[in-house]
Amino acid sequence: MLEQSVGRFTTSEVCRSHCEEGPGKNLSFSVEIKWWLLVRMTLYFGSEFAAPFFTVRLQLLKK
């Protein structure tokens, strides 16, 4: 009994949602402009990768 009511609730909530459907529509950023996405991802991942190297360099220069 409980499982049926939970199943009906989740199904009805999905039907009532007014979100756009399709690939990339549920992301918080746009994937329509491919070069801008490439630039943003390169800056984000590049800075995260380079941060430890810059930190070590600064510590070595500190002496």
N, C-alpha and C. Protein backbone atom coordinates (compact mmCIF):
# COMPACT_ATOMS: atom_id res chain seq x y z
N MET A 1 0.82 -1.19 0.00
CA MET A 1 0.00 0.00 0.00
C MET A 1 0.87 1.26 0.00
N LEU A 2 1.85 1.30 0.90
CA LEU A 2 2.72 2.47 1.00
C LEU A 2 3.55 2.63 -0.28
N GLU A 3 4.03 1.52 -0.82
CA GLU A 3 4.85 1.58 -2.03
C GLU A 3 4.06 2.13 -3.21
N GLN A 4 2.79 1.76 -3.30
CA GLN A 4 1.96 2.26 -4.40
C GLN A 4 1.74 3.76 -4.29
N SER A 5 1.49 4.25 -3.08
CA SER A 5 1.24 5.67 -2.92
C SER A 5 2.52 6.48 -3.18
N VAL A 6 3.67 5.95 -2.76
CA VAL A 6 4.94 6.62 -3.03
C VAL A 6 5.21 6.63 -4.53
N GLY A 7 4.96 5.52 -5.18
CA GLY A 7 5.16 5.44 -6.63
C GLY A 7 4.28 6.42 -7.37
N ARG A 8 3.02 6.54 -6.97
CA ARG A 8 2.12 7.49 -7.62
C ARG A 8 2.55 8.92 -7.36
N PHE A 9 3.04 9.22 -6.16
CA PHE A 9 3.48 10.57 -5.84
C PHE A 9 4.66 10.98 -6.71
N THR A 10 5.68 10.12 -6.80
CA THR A 10 6.86 10.48 -7.58
C THR A 10 6.52 10.60 -9.06
N THR A 11 5.63 9.75 -9.55
CA THR A 11 5.24 9.82 -10.95
C THR A 11 4.47 11.11 -11.22
N SER A 12 3.59 11.48 -10.32
CA SER A 12 2.81 12.70 -10.54
C SER A 12 3.70 13.94 -10.44
N GLU A 13 4.71 13.91 -9.58
CA GLU A 13 5.62 15.05 -9.47
C GLU A 13 6.44 15.22 -10.74
N VAL A 14 6.86 14.12 -11.33
CA VAL A 14 7.62 14.19 -12.57
C VAL A 14 6.75 14.76 -13.67
N CYS A 15 5.51 14.37 -13.72
CA CYS A 15 4.59 14.86 -14.75
C CYS A 15 4.29 16.34 -14.57
N ARG A 16 4.28 16.83 -13.34
CA ARG A 16 3.95 18.23 -13.07
C ARG A 16 5.13 19.17 -13.26
N SER A 17 6.33 18.66 -13.30
CA SER A 17 7.49 19.56 -13.41
C SER A 17 7.50 20.24 -14.78
N HIS A 18 7.91 21.49 -14.79
CA HIS A 18 7.89 22.27 -16.02
C HIS A 18 9.30 22.55 -16.52
N CYS A 19 10.19 21.59 -16.36
CA CYS A 19 11.56 21.75 -16.81
C CYS A 19 11.66 21.34 -18.28
N GLU A 20 12.59 21.97 -18.96
CA GLU A 20 12.83 21.57 -20.34
C GLU A 20 13.52 20.21 -20.34
N GLU A 21 13.24 19.44 -21.34
CA GLU A 21 13.85 18.12 -21.44
C GLU A 21 14.85 18.10 -22.58
N GLY A 22 15.80 17.19 -22.49
CA GLY A 22 16.78 17.03 -23.53
C GLY A 22 18.18 17.11 -22.97
N PRO A 23 19.15 16.71 -23.79
CA PRO A 23 20.53 16.72 -23.32
C PRO A 23 21.04 18.14 -23.06
N GLY A 24 21.63 18.34 -21.89
CA GLY A 24 22.21 19.62 -21.54
C GLY A 24 21.24 20.63 -20.98
N LYS A 25 19.97 20.32 -20.89
CA LYS A 25 18.98 21.29 -20.40
C LYS A 25 18.96 21.37 -18.89
N ASN A 26 19.46 20.35 -18.18
CA ASN A 26 19.43 20.36 -16.72
C ASN A 26 20.76 20.81 -16.12
N LEU A 27 21.66 21.36 -16.93
CA LEU A 27 22.94 21.84 -16.43
C LEU A 27 22.84 23.30 -16.03
N SER A 28 23.72 23.73 -15.15
CA SER A 28 23.69 25.12 -14.70
C SER A 28 24.48 26.05 -15.63
N PHE A 29 25.01 25.53 -16.71
CA PHE A 29 25.75 26.34 -17.67
C PHE A 29 25.32 25.93 -19.07
N SER A 30 25.59 26.80 -20.03
CA SER A 30 25.16 26.55 -21.40
C SER A 30 26.21 25.74 -22.14
N VAL A 31 25.76 24.79 -22.93
CA VAL A 31 26.67 24.00 -23.76
C VAL A 31 26.43 24.30 -25.24
N GLU A 32 25.70 25.37 -25.50
CA GLU A 32 25.38 25.73 -26.89
C GLU A 32 26.59 26.33 -27.61
N ILE A 33 27.36 27.16 -26.93
CA ILE A 33 28.53 27.81 -27.54
C ILE A 33 29.75 26.97 -27.14
N LYS A 34 30.18 26.13 -28.06
CA LYS A 34 31.21 25.14 -27.75
C LYS A 34 32.55 25.76 -27.40
N TRP A 35 32.98 26.80 -28.11
CA TRP A 35 34.30 27.38 -27.83
C TRP A 35 34.32 28.06 -26.47
N TRP A 36 33.19 28.69 -26.04
CA TRP A 36 33.15 29.33 -24.74
C TRP A 36 33.20 28.29 -23.63
N LEU A 37 32.54 27.17 -23.84
CA LEU A 37 32.59 26.07 -22.88
C LEU A 37 34.01 25.53 -22.79
N LEU A 38 34.70 25.41 -23.91
CA LEU A 38 36.08 24.95 -23.92
C LEU A 38 37.00 25.89 -23.14
N VAL A 39 36.83 27.19 -23.35
CA VAL A 39 37.65 28.18 -22.64
C VAL A 39 37.41 28.11 -21.14
N ARG A 40 36.15 28.06 -20.74
CA ARG A 40 35.81 28.03 -19.32
C ARG A 40 36.32 26.75 -18.66
N MET A 41 36.16 25.62 -19.31
CA MET A 41 36.62 24.36 -18.73
C MET A 41 38.14 24.32 -18.65
N THR A 42 38.82 24.86 -19.67
CA THR A 42 40.28 24.89 -19.66
C THR A 42 40.79 25.76 -18.53
N LEU A 43 40.19 26.92 -18.33
CA LEU A 43 40.60 27.80 -17.23
C LEU A 43 40.33 27.16 -15.88
N TYR A 44 39.19 26.53 -15.72
CA TYR A 44 38.84 25.93 -14.44
C TYR A 44 39.77 24.77 -14.11
N PHE A 45 39.85 23.79 -15.02
CA PHE A 45 40.67 22.62 -14.74
C PHE A 45 42.16 22.95 -14.78
N GLY A 46 42.56 23.89 -15.63
CA GLY A 46 43.96 24.29 -15.69
C GLY A 46 44.41 24.97 -14.42
N SER A 47 43.56 25.82 -13.86
CA SER A 47 43.94 26.50 -12.62
C SER A 47 43.99 25.52 -11.45
N GLU A 48 43.07 24.56 -11.42
CA GLU A 48 43.09 23.55 -10.35
C GLU A 48 44.32 22.66 -10.44
N PHE A 49 44.76 22.36 -11.65
CA PHE A 49 45.94 21.53 -11.84
C PHE A 49 47.21 22.30 -11.50
N ALA A 50 47.25 23.60 -11.83
CA ALA A 50 48.47 24.39 -11.66
C ALA A 50 48.65 24.92 -10.24
N ALA A 51 47.59 24.97 -9.45
CA ALA A 51 47.67 25.55 -8.09
C ALA A 51 48.75 24.91 -7.21
N PRO A 52 48.88 23.59 -7.14
CA PRO A 52 49.94 23.03 -6.29
C PRO A 52 51.35 23.40 -6.75
N PHE A 53 51.55 23.50 -8.06
CA PHE A 53 52.86 23.86 -8.58
C PHE A 53 53.22 25.30 -8.21
N PHE A 54 52.25 26.21 -8.32
CA PHE A 54 52.50 27.60 -7.93
C PHE A 54 52.75 27.71 -6.43
N THR A 55 52.04 26.93 -5.64
CA THR A 55 52.22 26.94 -4.19
C THR A 55 53.63 26.48 -3.82
N VAL A 56 54.09 25.41 -4.44
CA VAL A 56 55.45 24.92 -4.17
C VAL A 56 56.48 25.95 -4.61
N ARG A 57 56.26 26.57 -5.75
CA ARG A 57 57.20 27.58 -6.26
C ARG A 57 57.29 28.77 -5.29
N LEU A 58 56.15 29.21 -4.79
CA LEU A 58 56.16 30.33 -3.84
C LEU A 58 56.88 29.95 -2.55
N GLN A 59 56.68 28.74 -2.08
CA GLN A 59 57.33 28.30 -0.85
C GLN A 59 58.84 28.19 -1.04
N LEU A 60 59.27 27.76 -2.23
CA LEU A 60 60.71 27.65 -2.50
C LEU A 60 61.36 29.04 -2.61
N LEU A 61 60.62 30.00 -3.13
CA LEU A 61 61.17 31.36 -3.25
C LEU A 61 61.19 32.09 -1.92
N LYS A 62 60.39 31.67 -0.98
CA LYS A 62 60.27 32.34 0.32
C LYS A 62 61.56 32.30 1.13
N LYS A 63 62.15 31.16 1.27
CA LYS A 63 63.36 30.90 2.05
C LYS A 63 63.35 31.67 3.32
